[in-house]
Amino acid sequence: MMGSGGGGQQLQQLQKQLEALDAEVEELEAEIDELETEHAEIDEAIDALDTLDSGSTVQVPIGGDAYLRAEIQDIDEVIVSLGGGYAAEQEQDNAVDALRSKQDTIEETIEETEAEIEELEDETEDLEKQAQAIQQRMQQQQQQQMSKMEEMQGGDE
């Protein structure tokens, strides 16, 4: 009887570990979604830099989903964020290179995150196998106990 109690505790522990792994996978998947959105936004910026010229009229976001029409004075003066709150003015070609470089970094981060998810999924699979093994052991123990009880009852007749 003691063994089955221990198995139950092990199953509860495994269940908690599985829930934690699921939560971690969800977080990482949300991170990937954000990175993919950022990647797509950079694509839009690169397209804009490739198609716009000085004198083009653009809509500039001013916050709160409001925009103003503005004319581009100089397409060769592009201000690109360098991260950490810093930005630098760059020529059009250099700005596109900087944006492509950002995209490369994002792609690497996505690949690393996907690899992390795979590892967590492997871990989940291992834990599920352990849980199944414990459940099978518990069932066998119960069956053995039932058999013993039946033998004892049969012996009394």
Protein backbone atom coordinates (compact mmCIF):
# COMPACT_ATOMS: atom_id res chain seq x y z
CA MET A 1 0.00 0.00 0.00
CA MET A 2 2.90 2.39 0.80
CA GLY A 3 4.28 2.13 -2.75
CA SER A 4 1.09 3.40 -4.39
CA GLY A 5 1.06 6.52 -2.17
CA GLY A 6 4.61 7.32 -3.26
CA GLY A 7 3.61 6.86 -6.89
CA GLY A 8 0.75 9.31 -6.44
CA GLN A 9 3.13 11.93 -5.06
CA GLN A 10 5.55 11.37 -7.92
CA LEU A 11 2.70 11.80 -10.40
CA GLN A 12 1.70 15.11 -8.77
CA GLN A 13 5.29 16.33 -8.96
CA LEU A 14 5.55 15.33 -12.61
CA GLN A 15 2.24 17.08 -13.33
CA LYS A 16 3.59 20.31 -11.78
CA GLN A 17 6.79 20.03 -13.83
CA LEU A 18 4.77 19.44 -17.00
CA GLU A 19 2.60 22.50 -16.30
CA ALA A 20 5.73 24.62 -15.73
CA LEU A 21 7.23 23.40 -19.01
CA ASP A 22 3.99 24.18 -20.87
CA ALA A 23 3.97 27.72 -19.45
CA GLU A 24 7.60 28.20 -20.47
CA VAL A 25 6.88 26.99 -24.02
CA GLU A 26 3.93 29.41 -24.27
CA GLU A 27 6.13 32.32 -23.16
CA LEU A 28 8.79 31.44 -25.73
CA GLU A 29 6.17 31.12 -28.48
CA ALA A 30 4.87 34.60 -27.56
CA GLU A 31 8.46 35.92 -27.81
CA ILE A 32 8.77 34.40 -31.29
CA ASP A 33 5.51 36.11 -32.34
CA GLU A 34 6.88 39.47 -31.18
CA LEU A 35 10.16 38.91 -33.00
CA GLU A 36 8.34 37.96 -36.20
CA THR A 37 6.23 41.14 -35.94
CA GLU A 38 9.40 43.22 -35.50
CA HIS A 39 10.96 41.42 -38.50
CA ALA A 40 7.92 42.28 -40.65
CA GLU A 41 8.01 45.92 -39.53
CA ILE A 42 11.66 46.15 -40.59
CA ASP A 43 10.65 44.72 -44.00
CA GLU A 44 8.16 47.58 -44.32
CA ALA A 45 10.84 50.12 -43.39
CA ILE A 46 13.28 48.68 -45.95
CA ASP A 47 10.55 48.74 -48.64
CA ALA A 48 9.78 52.37 -47.77
CA LEU A 49 13.47 53.35 -47.99
CA ASP A 50 13.77 51.56 -51.34
CA THR A 51 10.68 53.21 -52.86
CA LEU A 52 10.57 56.72 -51.37
CA ASP A 53 12.47 59.75 -52.65
CA SER A 54 13.17 63.23 -51.34
CA GLY A 55 9.97 65.23 -51.83
CA SER A 56 7.69 62.17 -51.29
CA THR A 57 4.72 62.72 -49.02
CA VAL A 58 4.41 60.27 -46.13
CA GLN A 59 2.12 59.78 -43.15
CA VAL A 60 4.01 60.22 -39.90
CA PRO A 61 2.58 58.62 -36.74
CA ILE A 62 2.28 61.14 -33.90
CA GLY A 63 0.85 58.70 -31.33
CA GLY A 64 -2.65 57.55 -30.41
CA ASP A 65 -3.10 56.12 -33.92
CA ALA A 66 -3.03 59.66 -35.37
CA TYR A 67 -0.91 60.64 -38.39
CA LEU A 68 0.26 63.82 -40.08
CA ARG A 69 1.19 64.21 -43.75
CA ALA A 70 4.79 65.27 -44.16
CA GLU A 71 7.20 65.73 -47.00
CA ILE A 72 10.56 63.93 -46.94
CA GLN A 73 13.24 66.62 -47.06
CA ASP A 74 16.21 64.31 -47.58
CA ILE A 75 15.89 60.55 -48.09
CA ASP A 76 19.62 60.28 -47.40
CA GLU A 77 19.17 61.30 -43.78
CA VAL A 78 17.64 58.24 -42.14
CA ILE A 79 17.68 57.98 -38.36
CA VAL A 80 18.03 54.36 -37.27
CA SER A 81 17.69 53.10 -33.70
CA LEU A 82 20.85 51.37 -32.48
CA GLY A 83 19.13 49.93 -29.41
CA GLY A 84 19.51 50.92 -25.78
CA GLY A 85 17.80 54.26 -26.48
CA TYR A 86 20.46 55.38 -29.00
CA ALA A 87 19.92 56.29 -32.64
CA ALA A 88 22.18 57.43 -35.45
CA GLU A 89 21.65 59.32 -38.69
CA GLN A 90 22.70 57.23 -41.67
CA GLU A 91 22.65 57.43 -45.44
CA GLN A 92 19.88 55.48 -47.14
CA ASP A 93 22.04 52.47 -48.13
CA ASN A 94 23.71 52.29 -44.73
CA ALA A 95 20.31 52.52 -43.06
CA VAL A 96 19.04 49.57 -45.13
CA ASP A 97 22.18 47.58 -44.21
CA ALA A 98 21.65 48.40 -40.52
CA LEU A 99 18.02 47.26 -40.75
CA ARG A 100 19.00 44.03 -42.55
CA SER A 101 21.60 43.39 -39.85
CA LYS A 102 18.86 43.82 -37.23
CA GLN A 103 16.77 41.29 -39.11
CA ASP A 104 19.66 38.80 -39.09
CA THR A 105 19.90 39.17 -35.32
CA ILE A 106 16.15 38.65 -35.00
CA GLU A 107 16.32 35.51 -37.18
CA GLU A 108 19.14 34.10 -35.03
CA THR A 109 17.14 34.83 -31.87
CA ILE A 110 14.09 33.10 -33.36
CA GLU A 111 16.20 30.02 -34.23
CA GLU A 112 17.69 29.90 -30.72
CA THR A 113 14.23 30.26 -29.18
CA GLU A 114 12.83 27.49 -31.40
CA ALA A 115 15.72 25.23 -30.32
CA GLU A 116 14.88 26.02 -26.69
CA ILE A 117 11.24 25.08 -27.33
CA GLU A 118 12.37 21.77 -28.88
CA GLU A 119 14.45 20.98 -25.79
CA LEU A 120 11.49 21.74 -23.53
CA GLU A 121 9.24 19.54 -25.68
CA ASP A 122 11.76 16.67 -25.40
CA GLU A 123 11.80 17.16 -21.63
CA THR A 124 8.00 17.13 -21.62
CA GLU A 125 8.00 13.85 -23.56
CA ASP A 126 10.42 12.27 -21.06
CA LEU A 127 8.29 13.37 -18.11
CA GLU A 128 5.14 12.03 -19.77
CA LYS A 129 6.86 8.65 -20.25
CA GLN A 130 7.88 8.65 -16.57
CA ALA A 131 4.29 9.44 -15.56
CA GLN A 132 2.97 6.58 -17.72
CA ALA A 133 5.48 4.17 -16.18
CA ILE A 134 4.42 5.21 -12.67
CA GLN A 135 0.74 4.79 -13.55
CA GLN A 136 1.42 1.32 -14.95
CA ARG A 137 3.35 0.34 -11.80
CA MET A 138 0.52 1.59 -9.61
CA GLN A 139 -2.03 -0.41 -11.64
CA GLN A 140 0.13 -3.55 -11.40
CA GLN A 141 0.45 -3.10 -7.63
CA GLN A 142 -3.30 -2.70 -7.32
CA GLN A 143 -3.88 -5.81 -9.43
CA GLN A 144 -1.39 -7.78 -7.33
CA GLN A 145 -3.11 -6.65 -4.14
CA MET A 146 -6.50 -7.63 -5.57
CA SER A 147 -5.12 -11.06 -6.53
CA LYS A 148 -3.69 -11.57 -3.04
CA MET A 149 -6.99 -10.59 -1.45
CA GLU A 150 -8.85 -12.98 -3.74
CA GLU A 151 -6.37 -15.78 -2.89
CA MET A 152 -6.80 -15.10 0.81
CA GLN A 153 -10.59 -15.11 0.46
CA GLY A 154 -10.43 -18.25 -1.67
CA GLY A 155 -8.22 -19.94 0.94
CA ASP A 156 -10.75 -19.26 3.71
CA GLU A 157 -13.54 -21.25 2.05
